[in-house]
Amino acid sequence: MSIAIIIPDRDNSGLKATLETLLPAGTTVEIYPGIADNTSVEMAVVWKHPHGCLRQFPNLQLIQSYGAGVEHLLRDQDLPTDIPVTRIVDTCLTDSMKKYIGMAVLAIHKRLDFYLQKQREKIWEAPEPVELDLRIGFLGLGELGAACAAYLHAMGFEVSGFSQSKKSCPGISCFSPEDLSLHRFVENVNVLVCLLPLTPATEGILSYTLLSRMPPGSYLINAGRGGHLVDQDLLRAMDEGIIAGAFLDVFHQEPLPHDHPFWSRTGIFITPHSASVTNPDSAASITAENYRRMKSCLPLLNRVKREKGY
């Protein structure tokens, strides 16, 4: 029996070697498309796989996403409907995201954009005020969102969160549609952090209609997925002074095209989808554990609820 690694455009030899040390004796790990026998594949480890390829494995029993997101899987029209899908939920991913969101918030709070501009102009000048009074709102209070919200609360920031189901996070003002609308929620924050999963319900959620409800001079941090943001709507909101700046780690097309207006827009800080990167050793450990659980008919780690999209 074997595990197929289907992660295009990267060197998967390290992951293969690590998995082989963690799996039961006799389990083969192969890298797609070099699969010796498609009928032997019981588990597939995937990230942005070629759509339709999973139908090649008639004895597939488990699909493991190599990251926290699964939209790349669920958009495959040929994804087998009777096979469980799992994802990576890992403290390494969470810690990285906490530090990224913390970096972005502190850069906004301490006026880093102002200092960088004055340095380029060789002007000795402090902003007024030196620190911005921030009210931070999170879209999404799942594993990542809740951890990042708590991290900022521990720094002393005022933090709130909005999620589809009611959550309870110590020190965080938690809201759901039962309490108030999303538009009312964003009216009360001046830094909006998006860490939502990408689903049909959340695609394009960061639209002008939503952003225009924020106070003038607000900020956006999107480390969820590029599909959450309507690009032209952000530029419009910035033109109108509603959004003063944005930290963007995810985009509709990656790498971001050279001619995209985000590159040259003052106030937009771009990172190349690097806010929180899967740790190979942790991912291999979770994958191996799920393989053992599958073979023993035990509950799987981090099983995806397809109807919710995460």
C-alpha atoms as a PDB file:
ATOM      1  CA  MET A   1       0.000   0.000   0.000  1.00  0.00           C
ATOM      2  CA  SER A   2       1.202   3.532  -0.698  1.00  0.00           C
ATOM      3  CA  ILE A   3       0.780   7.275  -0.132  1.00  0.00           C
ATOM      4  CA  ALA A   4       0.889   9.620  -3.108  1.00  0.00           C
ATOM      5  CA  ILE A   5       2.326  13.125  -2.712  1.00  0.00           C
ATOM      6  CA  ILE A   6       0.621  15.397  -5.244  1.00  0.00           C
ATOM      7  CA  ILE A   7       2.161  18.843  -4.732  1.00  0.00           C
ATOM      8  CA  PRO A   8       3.250  20.299  -8.095  1.00  0.00           C
ATOM      9  CA  ASP A   9       6.122  22.743  -8.653  1.00  0.00           C
ATOM     10  CA  ARG A  10       8.160  21.933  -5.575  1.00  0.00           C
ATOM     11  CA  ASP A  11      10.806  19.465  -4.443  1.00  0.00           C
ATOM     12  CA  ASN A  12       8.908  16.835  -2.427  1.00  0.00           C
ATOM     13  CA  SER A  13      11.885  14.560  -1.766  1.00  0.00           C
ATOM     14  CA  GLY A  14      12.324  15.864   1.792  1.00  0.00           C
ATOM     15  CA  LEU A  15       8.675  15.278   2.654  1.00  0.00           C
ATOM     16  CA  LYS A  16       8.873  11.805   1.143  1.00  0.00           C
ATOM     17  CA  ALA A  17      11.971  10.926   3.192  1.00  0.00           C
ATOM     18  CA  THR A  18      10.447  12.233   6.444  1.00  0.00           C
ATOM     19  CA  LEU A  19       7.185  10.365   5.890  1.00  0.00           C
ATOM     20  CA  GLU A  20       9.055   7.128   5.241  1.00  0.00           C
ATOM     21  CA  THR A  21      10.662   7.367   8.688  1.00  0.00           C
ATOM     22  CA  LEU A  22       7.274   7.899  10.390  1.00  0.00           C
ATOM     23  CA  LEU A  23       5.050   5.393   8.618  1.00  0.00           C
ATOM     24  CA  PRO A  24       4.579   1.695   9.396  1.00  0.00           C
ATOM     25  CA  ALA A  25       7.003  -0.684   7.729  1.00  0.00           C
ATOM     26  CA  GLY A  26       5.921  -1.677   4.260  1.00  0.00           C
ATOM     27  CA  THR A  27       4.200   1.619   3.435  1.00  0.00           C
ATOM     28  CA  THR A  28       5.487   3.163   0.226  1.00  0.00           C
ATOM     29  CA  VAL A  29       5.599   6.917  -0.407  1.00  0.00           C
ATOM     30  CA  GLU A  30       5.557   8.036  -4.038  1.00  0.00           C
ATOM     31  CA  ILE A  31       5.617  11.410  -5.764  1.00  0.00           C
ATOM     32  CA  TYR A  32       3.035  12.107  -8.459  1.00  0.00           C
ATOM     33  CA  PRO A  33       3.091  11.525 -11.407  1.00  0.00           C
ATOM     34  CA  GLY A  34       5.654   8.780 -10.783  1.00  0.00           C
ATOM     35  CA  ILE A  35       3.180   6.343  -9.209  1.00  0.00           C
ATOM     36  CA  ALA A  36       4.115   2.727  -9.941  1.00  0.00           C
ATOM     37  CA  ASP A  37       0.666   1.271  -9.282  1.00  0.00           C
ATOM     38  CA  ASN A  38      -2.415   3.504  -9.007  1.00  0.00           C
ATOM     39  CA  THR A  39      -4.400   0.732  -7.350  1.00  0.00           C
ATOM     40  CA  SER A  40      -2.008   0.676  -4.377  1.00  0.00           C
ATOM     41  CA  VAL A  41      -2.616   4.315  -3.371  1.00  0.00           C
ATOM     42  CA  GLU A  42      -4.695   4.587  -0.186  1.00  0.00           C
ATOM     43  CA  MET A  43      -3.890   8.170   0.807  1.00  0.00           C
ATOM     44  CA  ALA A  44      -3.047  11.310  -1.142  1.00  0.00           C
ATOM     45  CA  VAL A  45      -1.226  14.357   0.270  1.00  0.00           C
ATOM     46  CA  VAL A  46      -2.163  17.271  -1.952  1.00  0.00           C
ATOM     47  CA  TRP A  47      -1.761  20.987  -2.521  1.00  0.00           C
ATOM     48  CA  LYS A  48      -3.078  22.689  -5.657  1.00  0.00           C
ATOM     49  CA  HIS A  49      -3.266  19.333  -7.397  1.00  0.00           C
ATOM     50  CA  PRO A  50      -4.235  18.905 -11.060  1.00  0.00           C
ATOM     51  CA  HIS A  51      -8.022  18.710 -10.944  1.00  0.00           C
ATOM     52  CA  GLY A  52      -9.336  15.280 -11.776  1.00  0.00           C
ATOM     53  CA  CYS A  53      -6.143  13.408 -10.922  1.00  0.00           C
ATOM     54  CA  LEU A  54      -7.533  11.848  -7.740  1.00  0.00           C
ATOM     55  CA  ARG A  55      -9.952   9.782  -9.834  1.00  0.00           C
ATOM     56  CA  GLN A  56      -6.937   7.769 -10.982  1.00  0.00           C
ATOM     57  CA  PHE A  57      -6.730   5.975  -7.628  1.00  0.00           C
ATOM     58  CA  PRO A  58      -9.595   3.467  -7.251  1.00  0.00           C
ATOM     59  CA  ASN A  59      -8.622   2.441  -3.703  1.00  0.00           C
ATOM     60  CA  LEU A  60      -8.096   5.942  -2.295  1.00  0.00           C
ATOM     61  CA  GLN A  61      -9.396   6.198   1.281  1.00  0.00           C
ATOM     62  CA  LEU A  62      -8.131   9.581   2.559  1.00  0.00           C
ATOM     63  CA  ILE A  63      -7.192  12.969   1.079  1.00  0.00           C
ATOM     64  CA  GLN A  64      -4.865  15.082   3.223  1.00  0.00           C
ATOM     65  CA  SER A  65      -4.424  18.776   2.382  1.00  0.00           C
ATOM     66  CA  TYR A  66      -0.826  19.903   2.847  1.00  0.00           C
ATOM     67  CA  GLY A  67      -1.999  23.198   4.351  1.00  0.00           C
ATOM     68  CA  ALA A  68      -4.727  24.714   6.475  1.00  0.00           C
ATOM     69  CA  GLY A  69      -6.832  25.659   3.457  1.00  0.00           C
ATOM     70  CA  VAL A  70      -8.898  23.230   1.380  1.00  0.00           C
ATOM     71  CA  GLU A  71     -10.533  25.443  -1.251  1.00  0.00           C
ATOM     72  CA  HIS A  72      -8.050  24.127  -3.832  1.00  0.00           C
ATOM     73  CA  LEU A  73      -9.508  20.673  -3.172  1.00  0.00           C
ATOM     74  CA  LEU A  74     -13.174  21.511  -2.901  1.00  0.00           C
ATOM     75  CA  ARG A  75     -13.122  23.351  -6.225  1.00  0.00           C
ATOM     76  CA  ASP A  76     -12.171  20.142  -8.014  1.00  0.00           C
ATOM     77  CA  GLN A  77     -15.397  19.068  -9.707  1.00  0.00           C
ATOM     78  CA  ASP A  78     -14.028  15.503  -9.888  1.00  0.00           C
ATOM     79  CA  LEU A  79     -13.177  15.276  -6.188  1.00  0.00           C
ATOM     80  CA  PRO A  80     -14.520  11.944  -4.911  1.00  0.00           C
ATOM     81  CA  THR A  81     -17.495  12.707  -2.675  1.00  0.00           C
ATOM     82  CA  ASP A  82     -17.235   9.595  -0.513  1.00  0.00           C
ATOM     83  CA  ILE A  83     -13.630  10.050   0.644  1.00  0.00           C
ATOM     84  CA  PRO A  84     -12.803  12.069   3.802  1.00  0.00           C
ATOM     85  CA  VAL A  85     -10.658  15.186   3.487  1.00  0.00           C
ATOM     86  CA  THR A  86      -8.387  16.418   6.284  1.00  0.00           C
ATOM     87  CA  ARG A  87      -6.224  19.499   6.671  1.00  0.00           C
ATOM     88  CA  ILE A  88      -3.197  20.726   8.616  1.00  0.00           C
ATOM     89  CA  VAL A  89      -3.905  22.421  11.935  1.00  0.00           C
ATOM     90  CA  ASP A  90      -0.544  23.011  13.537  1.00  0.00           C
ATOM     91  CA  THR A  91       0.967  25.182  16.262  1.00  0.00           C
ATOM     92  CA  CYS A  92       3.815  26.131  13.880  1.00  0.00           C
ATOM     93  CA  LEU A  93       1.303  27.561  11.388  1.00  0.00           C
ATOM     94  CA  THR A  94      -0.532  29.347  14.183  1.00  0.00           C
ATOM     95  CA  ASP A  95       2.621  30.867  15.688  1.00  0.00           C
ATOM     96  CA  SER A  96       3.745  32.155  12.295  1.00  0.00           C
ATOM     97  CA  MET A  97       0.381  33.771  11.628  1.00  0.00           C
ATOM     98  CA  LYS A  98       0.303  35.371  15.079  1.00  0.00           C
ATOM     99  CA  LYS A  99       3.666  36.998  14.399  1.00  0.00           C
ATOM    100  CA  TYR A 100       2.631  38.187  10.941  1.00  0.00           C
ATOM    101  CA  ILE A 101      -0.593  39.768  12.173  1.00  0.00           C
ATOM    102  CA  GLY A 102       1.294  41.196  15.157  1.00  0.00           C
ATOM    103  CA  MET A 103       3.914  42.682  12.820  1.00  0.00           C
ATOM    104  CA  ALA A 104       1.257  44.308  10.635  1.00  0.00           C
ATOM    105  CA  VAL A 105      -0.694  45.733  13.563  1.00  0.00           C
ATOM    106  CA  LEU A 106       2.416  47.125  15.243  1.00  0.00           C
ATOM    107  CA  ALA A 107       3.565  48.662  11.957  1.00  0.00           C
ATOM    108  CA  ILE A 108       0.213  50.439  11.707  1.00  0.00           C
ATOM    109  CA  HIS A 109       0.135  51.393  15.392  1.00  0.00           C
ATOM    110  CA  LYS A 110       3.688  52.820  15.373  1.00  0.00           C
ATOM    111  CA  ARG A 111       3.249  54.611  12.004  1.00  0.00           C
ATOM    112  CA  LEU A 112       5.975  52.672  10.183  1.00  0.00           C
ATOM    113  CA  ASP A 113       4.765  53.906   6.778  1.00  0.00           C
ATOM    114  CA  PHE A 114       5.324  57.512   7.889  1.00  0.00           C
ATOM    115  CA  TYR A 115       8.879  56.833   9.095  1.00  0.00           C
ATOM    116  CA  LEU A 116       9.823  54.950   5.927  1.00  0.00           C
ATOM    117  CA  GLN A 117       8.628  57.846   3.775  1.00  0.00           C
ATOM    118  CA  LYS A 118      10.504  60.410   5.873  1.00  0.00           C
ATOM    119  CA  GLN A 119      13.653  58.294   5.728  1.00  0.00           C
ATOM    120  CA  ARG A 120      13.462  58.224   1.920  1.00  0.00           C
ATOM    121  CA  GLU A 121      13.048  62.017   1.947  1.00  0.00           C
ATOM    122  CA  LYS A 122      15.838  62.414   4.545  1.00  0.00           C
ATOM    123  CA  ILE A 123      13.526  64.389   6.823  1.00  0.00           C
ATOM    124  CA  TRP A 124      13.819  64.227  10.632  1.00  0.00           C
ATOM    125  CA  GLU A 125      10.167  64.329  11.668  1.00  0.00           C
ATOM    126  CA  ALA A 126       7.803  62.430  13.961  1.00  0.00           C
ATOM    127  CA  PRO A 127       4.147  61.810  13.054  1.00  0.00           C
ATOM    128  CA  GLU A 128       1.264  63.340  14.935  1.00  0.00           C
ATOM    129  CA  PRO A 129       0.040  61.326  16.744  1.00  0.00           C
ATOM    130  CA  VAL A 130       3.072  59.095  17.203  1.00  0.00           C
ATOM    131  CA  GLU A 131       0.839  56.065  17.865  1.00  0.00           C
ATOM    132  CA  LEU A 132      -2.574  55.350  16.380  1.00  0.00           C
ATOM    133  CA  ASP A 133      -5.467  54.314  18.594  1.00  0.00           C
ATOM    134  CA  LEU A 134      -6.534  51.005  17.077  1.00  0.00           C
ATOM    135  CA  ARG A 135      -9.752  49.032  17.349  1.00  0.00           C
ATOM    136  CA  ILE A 136      -9.018  45.708  15.713  1.00  0.00           C
ATOM    137  CA  GLY A 137     -11.733  43.513  14.269  1.00  0.00           C
ATOM    138  CA  PHE A 138     -11.252  39.946  13.061  1.00  0.00           C
ATOM    139  CA  LEU A 139     -13.300  38.291  10.355  1.00  0.00           C
ATOM    140  CA  GLY A 140     -13.106  34.665  11.404  1.00  0.00           C
ATOM    141  CA  LEU A 141     -12.449  33.275  14.879  1.00  0.00           C
ATOM    142  CA  GLY A 142     -11.345  29.766  13.964  1.00  0.00           C
ATOM    143  CA  GLU A 143      -8.029  28.231  15.006  1.00  0.00           C
ATOM    144  CA  LEU A 144      -5.938  31.029  13.474  1.00  0.00           C
ATOM    145  CA  GLY A 145      -8.290  33.920  14.086  1.00  0.00           C
ATOM    146  CA  ALA A 146      -8.880  33.162  17.753  1.00  0.00           C
ATOM    147  CA  ALA A 147      -5.156  32.683  18.420  1.00  0.00           C
ATOM    148  CA  CYS A 148      -4.220  35.939  16.657  1.00  0.00           C
ATOM    149  CA  ALA A 149      -6.977  37.856  18.420  1.00  0.00           C
ATOM    150  CA  ALA A 150      -5.763  36.606  21.807  1.00  0.00           C
ATOM    151  CA  TYR A 151      -2.175  37.495  20.855  1.00  0.00           C
ATOM    152  CA  LEU A 152      -3.133  41.112  20.118  1.00  0.00           C
ATOM    153  CA  HIS A 153      -5.323  41.328  23.212  1.00  0.00           C
ATOM    154  CA  ALA A 154      -2.302  40.276  25.292  1.00  0.00           C
ATOM    155  CA  MET A 155      -0.405  43.225  23.758  1.00  0.00           C
ATOM    156  CA  GLY A 156      -3.081  45.556  25.108  1.00  0.00           C
ATOM    157  CA  PHE A 157      -5.086  46.208  21.955  1.00  0.00           C
ATOM    158  CA  GLU A 158      -8.870  46.452  21.842  1.00  0.00           C
ATOM    159  CA  VAL A 159      -9.942  43.389  19.859  1.00  0.00           C
ATOM    160  CA  SER A 160     -13.267  42.091  18.607  1.00  0.00           C
ATOM    161  CA  GLY A 161     -14.258  39.312  16.243  1.00  0.00           C
ATOM    162  CA  PHE A 162     -17.101  38.348  13.922  1.00  0.00           C
ATOM    163  CA  SER A 163     -17.926  34.750  13.015  1.00  0.00           C
ATOM    164  CA  GLN A 164     -20.909  32.913  11.597  1.00  0.00           C
ATOM    165  CA  SER A 165     -21.363  30.892  14.781  1.00  0.00           C
ATOM    166  CA  LYS A 166     -21.169  32.403  18.238  1.00  0.00           C
ATOM    167  CA  LYS A 167     -17.693  32.122  19.803  1.00  0.00           C
ATOM    168  CA  SER A 168     -16.360  32.833  23.264  1.00  0.00           C
ATOM    169  CA  CYS A 169     -12.755  34.034  23.516  1.00  0.00           C
ATOM    170  CA  PRO A 170     -11.433  35.517  26.791  1.00  0.00           C
ATOM    171  CA  GLY A 171     -10.880  39.255  26.481  1.00  0.00           C
ATOM    172  CA  ILE A 172     -12.319  39.382  22.937  1.00  0.00           C
ATOM    173  CA  SER A 173     -15.701  40.920  22.107  1.00  0.00           C
ATOM    174  CA  CYS A 174     -17.240  38.155  19.989  1.00  0.00           C
ATOM    175  CA  PHE A 175     -20.130  38.781  17.612  1.00  0.00           C
ATOM    176  CA  SER A 176     -22.177  36.722  15.185  1.00  0.00           C
ATOM    177  CA  PRO A 177     -25.118  37.525  12.876  1.00  0.00           C
ATOM    178  CA  GLU A 178     -27.375  36.882  15.877  1.00  0.00           C
ATOM    179  CA  ASP A 179     -25.913  39.991  17.545  1.00  0.00           C
ATOM    180  CA  LEU A 180     -25.473  42.464  14.705  1.00  0.00           C
ATOM    181  CA  SER A 181     -24.830  42.632  10.998  1.00  0.00           C
ATOM    182  CA  LEU A 182     -21.336  42.424   9.517  1.00  0.00           C
ATOM    183  CA  HIS A 183     -21.726  46.002   8.263  1.00  0.00           C
ATOM    184  CA  ARG A 184     -22.469  47.228  11.780  1.00  0.00           C
ATOM    185  CA  PHE A 185     -19.490  45.289  13.063  1.00  0.00           C
ATOM    186  CA  VAL A 186     -16.980  46.969  10.748  1.00  0.00           C
ATOM    187  CA  GLU A 187     -18.346  50.415  11.585  1.00  0.00           C
ATOM    188  CA  ASN A 188     -16.752  50.036  15.011  1.00  0.00           C
ATOM    189  CA  VAL A 189     -13.234  48.940  13.980  1.00  0.00           C
ATOM    190  CA  ASN A 190     -10.425  50.761  12.197  1.00  0.00           C
ATOM    191  CA  VAL A 191      -8.231  47.728  11.497  1.00  0.00           C
ATOM    192  CA  LEU A 192      -9.974  44.814   9.796  1.00  0.00           C
ATOM    193  CA  VAL A 193      -8.152  41.456   9.789  1.00  0.00           C
ATOM    194  CA  CYS A 194      -9.424  38.759   7.437  1.00  0.00           C
ATOM    195  CA  LEU A 195      -8.541  35.171   8.337  1.00  0.00           C
ATOM    196  CA  LEU A 196     -11.643  33.514   6.930  1.00  0.00           C
ATOM    197  CA  PRO A 197     -11.658  30.280   4.954  1.00  0.00           C
ATOM    198  CA  LEU A 198     -12.497  30.818   1.302  1.00  0.00           C
ATOM    199  CA  THR A 199     -15.976  29.487   0.576  1.00  0.00           C
ATOM    200  CA  PRO A 200     -18.762  30.563  -1.794  1.00  0.00           C
ATOM    201  CA  ALA A 201     -20.186  32.579   1.102  1.00  0.00           C
ATOM    202  CA  THR A 202     -16.936  34.468   1.812  1.00  0.00           C
ATOM    203  CA  GLU A 203     -15.643  35.013  -1.726  1.00  0.00           C
ATOM    204  CA  GLY A 204     -15.519  38.748  -2.427  1.00  0.00           C
ATOM    205  CA  ILE A 205     -16.519  39.622   1.134  1.00  0.00           C
ATOM    206  CA  LEU A 206     -13.936  42.428   1.252  1.00  0.00           C
ATOM    207  CA  SER A 207     -15.909  44.587  -1.166  1.00  0.00           C
ATOM    208  CA  TYR A 208     -16.453  48.327  -1.403  1.00  0.00           C
ATOM    209  CA  THR A 209     -19.867  47.821   0.189  1.00  0.00           C
ATOM    210  CA  LEU A 210     -18.173  46.483   3.324  1.00  0.00           C
ATOM    211  CA  LEU A 211     -15.011  48.611   3.334  1.00  0.00           C
ATOM    212  CA  SER A 212     -17.016  51.819   2.869  1.00  0.00           C
ATOM    213  CA  ARG A 213     -18.692  51.219   6.244  1.00  0.00           C
ATOM    214  CA  MET A 214     -15.376  51.530   8.082  1.00  0.00           C
ATOM    215  CA  PRO A 215     -14.270  54.860   9.598  1.00  0.00           C
ATOM    216  CA  PRO A 216     -12.133  57.091   7.354  1.00  0.00           C
ATOM    217  CA  GLY A 217      -8.407  56.308   7.619  1.00  0.00           C
ATOM    218  CA  SER A 218      -8.885  52.627   8.466  1.00  0.00           C
ATOM    219  CA  TYR A 219      -6.600  49.708   7.596  1.00  0.00           C
ATOM    220  CA  LEU A 220      -7.039  46.251   6.100  1.00  0.00           C
ATOM    221  CA  ILE A 221      -4.966  43.122   6.755  1.00  0.00           C
ATOM    222  CA  ASN A 222      -5.783  40.168   4.500  1.00  0.00           C
ATOM    223  CA  ALA A 223      -3.957  36.927   5.234  1.00  0.00           C
ATOM    224  CA  GLY A 224      -6.927  34.693   4.436  1.00  0.00           C
ATOM    225  CA  ARG A 225      -7.209  34.149   0.681  1.00  0.00           C
ATOM    226  CA  GLY A 226      -6.934  36.429  -2.321  1.00  0.00           C
ATOM    227  CA  GLY A 227     -10.487  35.571  -3.319  1.00  0.00           C
ATOM    228  CA  HIS A 228     -11.821  37.416  -0.271  1.00  0.00           C
ATOM    229  CA  LEU A 229     -10.784  40.789  -1.656  1.00  0.00           C
ATOM    230  CA  VAL A 230     -12.266  42.682  -4.582  1.00  0.00           C
ATOM    231  CA  ASP A 231      -9.050  44.372  -5.738  1.00  0.00           C
ATOM    232  CA  GLN A 232     -10.569  47.382  -7.469  1.00  0.00           C
ATOM    233  CA  ASP A 233     -12.843  47.996  -4.490  1.00  0.00           C
ATOM    234  CA  LEU A 234      -9.829  48.328  -2.187  1.00  0.00           C
ATOM    235  CA  LEU A 235      -8.229  50.846  -4.553  1.00  0.00           C
ATOM    236  CA  ARG A 236     -11.487  52.808  -4.700  1.00  0.00           C
ATOM    237  CA  ALA A 237     -11.760  52.835  -0.900  1.00  0.00           C
ATOM    238  CA  MET A 238      -8.174  54.098  -0.705  1.00  0.00           C
ATOM    239  CA  ASP A 239      -8.838  56.783  -3.321  1.00  0.00           C
ATOM    240  CA  GLU A 240     -11.739  58.002  -1.183  1.00  0.00           C
ATOM    241  CA  GLY A 241      -9.691  58.038   2.029  1.00  0.00           C
ATOM    242  CA  ILE A 242     -11.694  55.285   3.706  1.00  0.00           C
ATOM    243  CA  ILE A 243      -8.763  52.878   3.754  1.00  0.00           C
ATOM    244  CA  ALA A 244      -5.397  54.450   4.572  1.00  0.00           C
ATOM    245  CA  GLY A 245      -3.329  51.327   4.058  1.00  0.00           C
ATOM    246  CA  ALA A 246      -3.349  47.560   3.665  1.00  0.00           C
ATOM    247  CA  PHE A 247      -1.149  44.578   4.428  1.00  0.00           C
ATOM    248  CA  LEU A 248      -1.832  41.914   1.798  1.00  0.00           C
ATOM    249  CA  ASP A 249      -0.318  38.422   1.845  1.00  0.00           C
ATOM    250  CA  VAL A 250      -2.708  36.637  -0.536  1.00  0.00           C
ATOM    251  CA  PHE A 251      -3.921  37.426  -4.045  1.00  0.00           C
ATOM    252  CA  HIS A 252      -6.248  36.216  -6.790  1.00  0.00           C
ATOM    253  CA  GLN A 253      -3.251  35.356  -8.964  1.00  0.00           C
ATOM    254  CA  GLU A 254       0.021  34.262  -7.404  1.00  0.00           C
ATOM    255  CA  PRO A 255       2.684  35.384  -8.070  1.00  0.00           C
ATOM    256  CA  LEU A 256       1.082  38.804  -8.301  1.00  0.00           C
ATOM    257  CA  PRO A 257       1.386  39.990 -11.940  1.00  0.00           C
ATOM    258  CA  HIS A 258       4.038  42.664 -12.577  1.00  0.00           C
ATOM    259  CA  ASP A 259       1.451  45.075 -13.952  1.00  0.00           C
ATOM    260  CA  HIS A 260      -0.940  44.811 -10.996  1.00  0.00           C
ATOM    261  CA  PRO A 261      -1.664  48.254  -9.470  1.00  0.00           C
ATOM    262  CA  PHE A 262      -1.020  46.984  -5.941  1.00  0.00           C
ATOM    263  CA  TRP A 263       2.740  46.969  -6.588  1.00  0.00           C
ATOM    264  CA  SER A 264       2.992  50.721  -7.015  1.00  0.00           C
ATOM    265  CA  ARG A 265       0.196  51.845  -4.723  1.00  0.00           C
ATOM    266  CA  THR A 266       1.391  53.917  -1.777  1.00  0.00           C
ATOM    267  CA  GLY A 267      -0.016  52.466   1.421  1.00  0.00           C
ATOM    268  CA  ILE A 268      -0.155  48.834   0.316  1.00  0.00           C
ATOM    269  CA  PHE A 269       2.412  46.484   1.847  1.00  0.00           C
ATOM    270  CA  ILE A 270       2.810  43.211  -0.083  1.00  0.00           C
ATOM    271  CA  THR A 271       4.157  39.874   1.123  1.00  0.00           C
ATOM    272  CA  PRO A 272       4.297  36.788  -1.173  1.00  0.00           C
ATOM    273  CA  HIS A 273       1.855  34.440   0.592  1.00  0.00           C
ATOM    274  CA  SER A 274       4.427  33.898   3.316  1.00  0.00           C
ATOM    275  CA  ALA A 275       2.552  34.925   6.465  1.00  0.00           C
ATOM    276  CA  SER A 276       2.226  31.325   7.630  1.00  0.00           C
ATOM    277  CA  VAL A 277       3.948  28.513   5.750  1.00  0.00           C
ATOM    278  CA  THR A 278       3.422  24.807   6.376  1.00  0.00           C
ATOM    279  CA  ASN A 279       6.230  23.294   8.459  1.00  0.00           C
ATOM    280  CA  PRO A 280       7.304  20.111   6.607  1.00  0.00           C
ATOM    281  CA  ASP A 281       8.160  18.148   9.764  1.00  0.00           C
ATOM    282  CA  SER A 282       4.877  19.021  11.486  1.00  0.00           C
ATOM    283  CA  ALA A 283       2.890  18.276   8.326  1.00  0.00           C
ATOM    284  CA  ALA A 284       4.619  14.923   7.945  1.00  0.00           C
ATOM    285  CA  SER A 285       3.841  14.028  11.550  1.00  0.00           C
ATOM    286  CA  ILE A 286       0.141  14.921  11.154  1.00  0.00           C
ATOM    287  CA  THR A 287      -0.028  13.040   7.845  1.00  0.00           C
ATOM    288  CA  ALA A 288       1.532   9.920   9.343  1.00  0.00           C
ATOM    289  CA  GLU A 289      -0.835  10.041  12.304  1.00  0.00           C
ATOM    290  CA  ASN A 290      -3.859  10.332  10.028  1.00  0.00           C
ATOM    291  CA  TYR A 291      -2.615   7.397   7.965  1.00  0.00           C
ATOM    292  CA  ARG A 292      -2.390   5.275  11.112  1.00  0.00           C
ATOM    293  CA  ARG A 293      -5.856   6.398  12.193  1.00  0.00           C
ATOM    294  CA  MET A 294      -7.263   5.575   8.772  1.00  0.00           C
ATOM    295  CA  LYS A 295      -5.790   2.082   8.888  1.00  0.00           C
ATOM    296  CA  SER A 296      -7.126   1.551  12.420  1.00  0.00           C
ATOM    297  CA  CYS A 297     -10.578   3.039  11.685  1.00  0.00           C
ATOM    298  CA  LEU A 298     -10.055   5.768  14.307  1.00  0.00           C
ATOM    299  CA  PRO A 299     -11.344   9.369  14.146  1.00  0.00           C
ATOM    300  CA  LEU A 300      -9.214  11.479  11.829  1.00  0.00           C
ATOM    301  CA  LEU A 301      -7.396  14.651  12.855  1.00  0.00           C
ATOM    302  CA  ASN A 302      -8.795  17.918  11.473  1.00  0.00           C
ATOM    303  CA  ARG A 303     -11.450  16.383   9.266  1.00  0.00           C
ATOM    304  CA  VAL A 304     -13.041  18.884   6.866  1.00  0.00           C
ATOM    305  CA  LYS A 305     -16.783  19.522   6.889  1.00  0.00           C
ATOM    306  CA  ARG A 306     -17.403  19.809   3.182  1.00  0.00           C
ATOM    307  CA  GLU A 307     -20.740  21.538   3.586  1.00  0.00           C
ATOM    308  CA  LYS A 308     -18.975  24.385   5.443  1.00  0.00           C
ATOM    309  CA  GLY A 309     -15.895  24.458   3.233  1.00  0.00           C
ATOM    310  CA  TYR A 310     -13.350  24.006   6.031  1.00  0.00           C
END
